[in-house]
Amino acid sequence: MNIPDDAEQFIESVLNTTKQLIELGFWDVERSRLDSWWKQFCGVEEEFFAACLLDRVIFRSRPQFEAALRSLFRSNLNRSIFKDKHDGYLVDTLSSRSNEPKIRLVPVICESDPPTKSGPLVIRRLQRILRLNPKWMCWPWQASDAVEKEGVDTVIFVDDFLGSGGQFKTFFDQWQFGEPGMSKVRFFYAPVVAHEKGIDHLSTELPRLRIAYIESLGSRQQFFSDETWDDMSHGSVTALDAKNWYLEFARKRKIAGRKIDPLGYEKLELTYGFSHSTPNNSLPILWSTSANWNPLLER
């Protein structure tokens, strides 16, 4: 990889900026994690690549994530469900104890998912920060009973991230939300962040589903794009050269495994992370944990 002449200055600047972001609390990442991750890169060439990664990381701290959750439920999602009501109407409805709303909040979780899956975590935070009544929340396997026995007509799926859309489609099918008994239910998917690939995929596969989100991602956030590498290397490194270098580096260091591509799930090439988890659509070099690799971000 033909790194630029000012590579060492770039490395120093990015590393110092990252340390400041951690020290000031904008990145709630332990400094020791950064140090352990950084030590795995040897020489100017590897450190330049690592600095490029750090420069392009989009990290959302816990306060930022919770602020986005509030905004989602008070603005975009509220307007999608109640077009003529005030911004707080949905939250007021879900906080109610006396008047039973015909709405249920459902975390996105599949039968095979581990207990650490982010869907339940997100719904717990949502309940706490907006003081919602937990009576209006249910597990996906309880939703059909709520529709049949309690007259629920609106289901909101709660999540932090929509990537390619494949995992949500699996979830939707597994819990049979497309069955005839659900034909009159309005479905809303509320990830805080959504990638345009997933939005397009679900719009085609699940046309009844309405998606509301706060932040969108797309080709601009693709790490190995020509625009990204022209900007960072001043034309010294092409996106293709950088990608080939990385794939060889990932192979040698045994980053990622058989189930996850080195470019991330569905090869979205993202560098996005939350304080509570990192989407598997992000490059595994940021979050993979193994005997051969120490991660920077939590998975």
Protein backbone atom coordinates (compact mmCIF):
# COMPACT_ATOMS: atom_id res chain seq x y z
CA MET A 1 0.00 0.00 0.00
CA ASN A 2 1.53 3.28 -1.14
CA ILE A 3 0.87 5.43 1.92
CA PRO A 4 1.01 9.26 1.64
CA ASP A 5 4.06 11.31 2.60
CA ASP A 6 2.31 12.82 5.62
CA ALA A 7 1.21 9.44 6.98
CA GLU A 8 3.02 9.78 10.29
CA GLN A 9 1.47 13.19 11.00
CA PHE A 10 -1.96 11.81 10.09
CA ILE A 11 -1.47 8.83 12.41
CA GLU A 12 -0.43 11.03 15.33
CA SER A 13 -3.29 13.46 14.78
CA VAL A 14 -6.00 10.77 14.57
CA LEU A 15 -4.68 8.83 17.55
CA ASN A 16 -4.54 11.97 19.70
CA THR A 17 -8.06 12.95 18.65
CA THR A 18 -9.38 9.49 19.51
CA LYS A 19 -7.76 9.62 22.95
CA GLN A 20 -9.37 13.02 23.56
CA LEU A 21 -12.78 11.71 22.52
CA ILE A 22 -12.41 8.94 25.10
CA GLU A 23 -11.10 11.24 27.83
CA LEU A 24 -13.92 13.74 27.28
CA GLY A 25 -16.56 11.00 27.32
CA PHE A 26 -17.72 11.35 23.73
CA TRP A 27 -16.58 7.77 23.19
CA ASP A 28 -17.47 5.67 26.22
CA VAL A 29 -14.73 3.19 25.39
CA GLU A 30 -12.09 2.22 27.91
CA ARG A 31 -8.68 3.67 27.10
CA SER A 32 -7.16 0.24 27.71
CA ARG A 33 -9.25 -1.18 24.85
CA LEU A 34 -7.86 1.41 22.48
CA ASP A 35 -4.32 0.70 23.65
CA SER A 36 -4.73 -3.08 23.27
CA TRP A 37 -6.29 -2.72 19.83
CA TRP A 38 -3.67 -0.23 18.61
CA LYS A 39 -0.72 -2.38 19.70
CA GLN A 40 -1.75 -5.03 17.19
CA PHE A 41 -0.66 -2.81 14.30
CA CYS A 42 3.06 -2.81 13.54
CA GLY A 43 4.90 -0.33 11.35
CA VAL A 44 3.78 2.81 9.57
CA GLU A 45 1.74 1.01 6.92
CA GLU A 46 -0.41 -0.91 9.40
CA GLU A 47 -0.72 2.09 11.70
CA PHE A 48 -1.82 4.26 8.78
CA PHE A 49 -4.61 1.80 8.01
CA ALA A 50 -5.62 1.70 11.69
CA ALA A 51 -5.67 5.50 11.80
CA CYS A 52 -7.89 5.55 8.71
CA LEU A 53 -10.31 3.24 10.53
CA LEU A 54 -10.36 5.44 13.63
CA ASP A 55 -10.87 8.53 11.49
CA ARG A 56 -14.00 7.00 9.95
CA VAL A 57 -15.56 5.40 13.01
CA ILE A 58 -19.06 6.69 13.75
CA PHE A 59 -19.57 6.06 17.44
CA ARG A 60 -22.76 6.75 19.38
CA SER A 61 -22.36 7.00 23.13
CA ARG A 62 -25.07 5.99 25.57
CA PRO A 63 -26.41 9.57 25.99
CA GLN A 64 -26.45 10.04 22.21
CA PHE A 65 -28.28 6.75 21.68
CA GLU A 66 -30.87 7.51 24.34
CA ALA A 67 -31.41 11.00 22.93
CA ALA A 68 -32.02 9.42 19.52
CA LEU A 69 -34.53 6.98 21.06
CA ARG A 70 -36.47 9.87 22.58
CA SER A 71 -36.46 11.73 19.31
CA LEU A 72 -37.60 8.67 17.36
CA PHE A 73 -40.65 8.09 19.56
CA ARG A 74 -41.55 11.77 19.81
CA SER A 75 -41.09 12.69 16.17
CA ASN A 76 -40.65 10.32 13.22
CA LEU A 77 -42.44 7.29 14.67
CA ASN A 78 -45.13 9.40 16.33
CA ARG A 79 -45.93 11.10 13.00
CA SER A 80 -45.97 7.77 11.15
CA ILE A 81 -48.59 6.31 13.50
CA PHE A 82 -50.56 9.45 14.44
CA LYS A 83 -50.41 11.92 11.58
CA ASP A 84 -52.66 14.54 13.20
CA LYS A 85 -51.53 14.30 16.84
CA HIS A 86 -48.96 16.28 18.82
CA ASP A 87 -45.36 15.05 19.14
CA GLY A 88 -45.85 13.52 22.56
CA TYR A 89 -49.04 11.62 21.78
CA LEU A 90 -47.43 8.19 21.28
CA VAL A 91 -45.37 8.45 24.46
CA ASP A 92 -48.41 9.65 26.42
CA THR A 93 -50.42 6.72 25.10
CA LEU A 94 -47.74 4.17 26.01
CA SER A 95 -47.34 5.74 29.46
CA SER A 96 -51.04 5.35 30.18
CA ARG A 97 -52.29 3.14 32.99
CA SER A 98 -56.03 3.78 32.89
CA ASN A 99 -56.83 3.74 29.18
CA GLU A 100 -55.56 0.61 27.46
CA PRO A 101 -53.87 1.42 24.16
CA LYS A 102 -54.23 -1.04 21.28
CA ILE A 103 -50.47 -0.85 20.72
CA ARG A 104 -47.71 -3.25 21.69
CA LEU A 105 -43.95 -2.73 21.69
CA VAL A 106 -42.05 -5.85 20.62
CA PRO A 107 -38.24 -6.31 20.76
CA VAL A 108 -36.59 -7.75 17.67
CA ILE A 109 -35.19 -11.10 18.78
CA CYS A 110 -35.14 -14.53 17.14
CA GLU A 111 -35.44 -17.85 18.89
CA SER A 112 -31.77 -18.63 18.30
CA ASP A 113 -30.48 -15.24 19.47
CA PRO A 114 -28.43 -15.01 22.70
CA PRO A 115 -29.80 -13.19 25.78
CA THR A 116 -27.38 -10.36 25.01
CA LYS A 117 -29.20 -9.49 21.76
CA SER A 118 -29.72 -5.73 21.59
CA GLY A 119 -33.52 -5.74 21.02
CA PRO A 120 -34.45 -6.46 24.68
CA LEU A 121 -31.78 -4.02 25.87
CA VAL A 122 -33.21 -1.25 23.69
CA ILE A 123 -36.77 -1.81 24.89
CA ARG A 124 -35.64 -1.72 28.54
CA ARG A 125 -33.87 1.58 27.97
CA LEU A 126 -36.88 2.92 26.14
CA GLN A 127 -39.16 2.00 29.03
CA ARG A 128 -36.84 3.70 31.51
CA ILE A 129 -36.07 6.96 29.72
CA LEU A 130 -39.65 7.59 28.53
CA ARG A 131 -41.32 6.05 31.61
CA LEU A 132 -43.50 3.80 29.51
CA ASN A 133 -45.90 1.34 31.07
CA PRO A 134 -44.37 -2.14 30.70
CA LYS A 135 -47.92 -3.54 30.28
CA TRP A 136 -47.81 -2.35 26.67
CA MET A 137 -44.69 -4.40 25.89
CA CYS A 138 -44.58 -8.06 24.97
CA TRP A 139 -42.29 -10.71 23.56
CA PRO A 140 -42.75 -11.59 19.87
CA TRP A 141 -44.26 -14.99 20.73
CA GLN A 142 -46.95 -13.22 22.80
CA ALA A 143 -48.02 -10.78 20.08
CA SER A 144 -50.59 -13.01 18.36
CA ASP A 145 -52.46 -13.52 21.65
CA ALA A 146 -52.46 -9.76 22.23
CA VAL A 147 -54.00 -9.27 18.78
CA GLU A 148 -56.57 -12.04 19.17
CA LYS A 149 -57.58 -11.59 22.81
CA GLU A 150 -56.90 -7.92 23.53
CA GLY A 151 -57.75 -6.31 20.22
CA VAL A 152 -54.27 -4.94 19.56
CA ASP A 153 -54.17 -3.33 16.12
CA THR A 154 -50.69 -1.74 16.07
CA VAL A 155 -47.34 -3.48 16.66
CA ILE A 156 -44.08 -1.53 16.94
CA PHE A 157 -40.87 -3.52 16.55
CA VAL A 158 -38.07 -1.94 18.60
CA ASP A 159 -34.40 -2.20 17.59
CA ASP A 160 -31.17 -0.24 17.48
CA PHE A 161 -29.95 -0.99 13.95
CA LEU A 162 -31.30 -2.05 10.57
CA GLY A 163 -28.52 -3.31 8.30
CA SER A 164 -29.25 -5.40 5.21
CA GLY A 165 -32.76 -6.30 6.37
CA GLY A 166 -32.25 -10.06 6.14
CA GLN A 167 -32.19 -10.65 9.88
CA PHE A 168 -35.41 -8.69 10.43
CA LYS A 169 -37.15 -10.64 7.65
CA THR A 170 -36.09 -13.87 9.39
CA PHE A 171 -37.49 -12.53 12.68
CA PHE A 172 -40.77 -11.47 11.04
CA ASP A 173 -41.25 -14.85 9.39
CA GLN A 174 -40.18 -16.89 12.42
CA TRP A 175 -42.85 -15.38 14.65
CA GLN A 176 -45.49 -15.57 11.88
CA PHE A 177 -46.42 -11.91 11.75
CA GLY A 178 -47.44 -12.40 8.12
CA GLU A 179 -50.14 -14.96 8.97
CA PRO A 180 -53.84 -14.30 8.12
CA GLY A 181 -54.64 -13.59 11.76
CA MET A 182 -52.37 -10.56 11.58
CA SER A 183 -53.81 -9.18 8.33
CA LYS A 184 -55.47 -6.16 9.96
CA VAL A 185 -52.54 -5.22 12.20
CA ARG A 186 -50.44 -2.17 11.40
CA PHE A 187 -46.74 -2.98 11.65
CA PHE A 188 -44.06 -0.36 12.35
CA TYR A 189 -40.34 -1.06 12.55
CA ALA A 190 -38.45 1.48 14.68
CA PRO A 191 -34.65 1.05 14.50
CA VAL A 192 -32.71 4.07 15.68
CA VAL A 193 -30.34 3.74 12.70
CA ALA A 194 -31.21 2.29 9.29
CA HIS A 195 -29.09 1.47 6.26
CA GLU A 196 -30.59 2.24 2.85
CA LYS A 197 -29.98 -1.36 1.72
CA GLY A 198 -32.18 -2.69 4.52
CA ILE A 199 -34.85 -0.07 3.93
CA ASP A 200 -35.04 -1.02 0.25
CA HIS A 201 -35.02 -4.75 1.00
CA LEU A 202 -37.85 -4.60 3.54
CA SER A 203 -39.90 -2.23 1.39
CA THR A 204 -39.92 -4.98 -1.24
CA GLU A 205 -40.22 -8.04 1.00
CA LEU A 206 -42.66 -6.60 3.58
CA PRO A 207 -44.68 -3.86 1.87
CA ARG A 208 -47.10 -3.56 4.80
CA LEU A 209 -44.26 -2.66 7.14
CA ARG A 210 -43.61 1.01 7.85
CA ILE A 211 -40.08 1.96 8.90
CA ALA A 212 -39.24 4.98 11.07
CA TYR A 213 -35.68 5.87 12.09
CA ILE A 214 -33.53 8.82 13.15
CA GLU A 215 -30.24 8.25 11.33
CA SER A 216 -29.71 6.74 7.89
CA LEU A 217 -26.58 5.20 6.39
CA GLY A 218 -25.66 4.38 2.82
CA SER A 219 -22.86 4.32 0.29
CA ARG A 220 -21.26 7.41 1.87
CA GLN A 221 -20.45 5.33 4.94
CA GLN A 222 -18.87 2.50 2.94
CA PHE A 223 -15.28 2.32 4.18
CA PHE A 224 -13.72 1.11 0.94
CA SER A 225 -15.23 3.75 -1.30
CA ASP A 226 -13.21 5.84 -3.74
CA GLU A 227 -14.34 9.05 -2.06
CA THR A 228 -13.21 7.87 1.38
CA TRP A 229 -9.74 6.84 0.28
CA ASP A 230 -9.15 9.84 -2.00
CA ASP A 231 -9.89 12.03 1.00
CA MET A 232 -7.76 10.17 3.56
CA SER A 233 -4.74 9.39 1.38
CA HIS A 234 -4.79 12.45 -0.88
CA GLY A 235 -4.92 10.12 -3.86
CA SER A 236 -1.99 7.92 -2.76
CA VAL A 237 -4.12 4.84 -2.04
CA THR A 238 -7.03 3.61 -4.13
CA ALA A 239 -10.07 2.06 -2.48
CA LEU A 240 -9.36 -1.23 -4.27
CA ASP A 241 -5.74 -1.32 -3.07
CA ALA A 242 -6.85 -0.56 0.48
CA LYS A 243 -9.51 -3.29 0.38
CA ASN A 244 -7.07 -5.89 -0.95
CA TRP A 245 -4.52 -4.91 1.69
CA TYR A 246 -7.13 -5.26 4.42
CA LEU A 247 -8.40 -8.63 3.21
CA GLU A 248 -4.86 -10.00 3.29
CA PHE A 249 -4.27 -8.49 6.72
CA ALA A 250 -7.53 -10.00 8.02
CA ARG A 251 -6.57 -13.40 6.59
CA LYS A 252 -3.14 -13.38 8.23
CA ARG A 253 -4.49 -12.23 11.59
CA LYS A 254 -7.50 -14.56 11.39
CA ILE A 255 -9.96 -11.72 11.87
CA ALA A 256 -13.58 -12.79 11.29
CA GLY A 257 -14.66 -16.37 10.82
CA ARG A 258 -16.62 -18.59 8.52
CA LYS A 259 -19.97 -16.95 9.29
CA ILE A 260 -18.88 -13.30 9.08
CA ASP A 261 -17.18 -11.82 6.05
CA PRO A 262 -14.10 -9.63 6.74
CA LEU A 263 -16.11 -6.80 5.15
CA GLY A 264 -18.94 -7.29 7.65
CA TYR A 265 -22.30 -9.00 7.31
CA GLU A 266 -23.62 -8.60 3.74
CA LYS A 267 -20.34 -6.75 3.00
CA LEU A 268 -21.69 -3.33 4.02
CA GLU A 269 -18.16 -2.20 5.04
CA LEU A 270 -19.40 -0.01 7.90
CA THR A 271 -17.39 1.51 10.73
CA TYR A 272 -20.39 2.19 12.98
CA GLY A 273 -20.77 1.35 16.65
CA PHE A 274 -22.86 1.99 19.75
CA SER A 275 -21.53 1.92 23.29
CA HIS A 276 -23.70 -1.15 24.01
CA SER A 277 -22.96 -3.08 20.80
CA THR A 278 -21.50 -2.94 17.30
CA PRO A 279 -23.56 -4.09 14.30
CA ASN A 280 -22.07 -7.10 12.55
CA ASN A 281 -22.35 -5.08 9.32
CA SER A 282 -19.32 -3.14 10.58
CA LEU A 283 -15.81 -4.34 9.76
CA PRO A 284 -14.86 -7.18 12.16
CA ILE A 285 -11.43 -5.62 12.65
CA LEU A 286 -13.24 -3.23 15.01
CA TRP A 287 -15.24 -5.75 17.07
CA SER A 288 -14.00 -9.31 16.51
CA THR A 289 -12.80 -11.15 19.60
CA SER A 290 -10.56 -14.19 19.38
CA ALA A 291 -7.29 -15.64 20.56
CA ASN A 292 -5.72 -13.73 17.68
CA TRP A 293 -7.46 -10.38 18.01
CA ASN A 294 -8.42 -7.82 20.68
CA PRO A 295 -11.44 -5.66 19.74
CA LEU A 296 -11.82 -1.92 20.01
CA LEU A 297 -15.62 -1.89 20.25
CA GLU A 298 -18.14 -4.08 22.06
CA ARG A 299 -20.04 -6.59 19.98
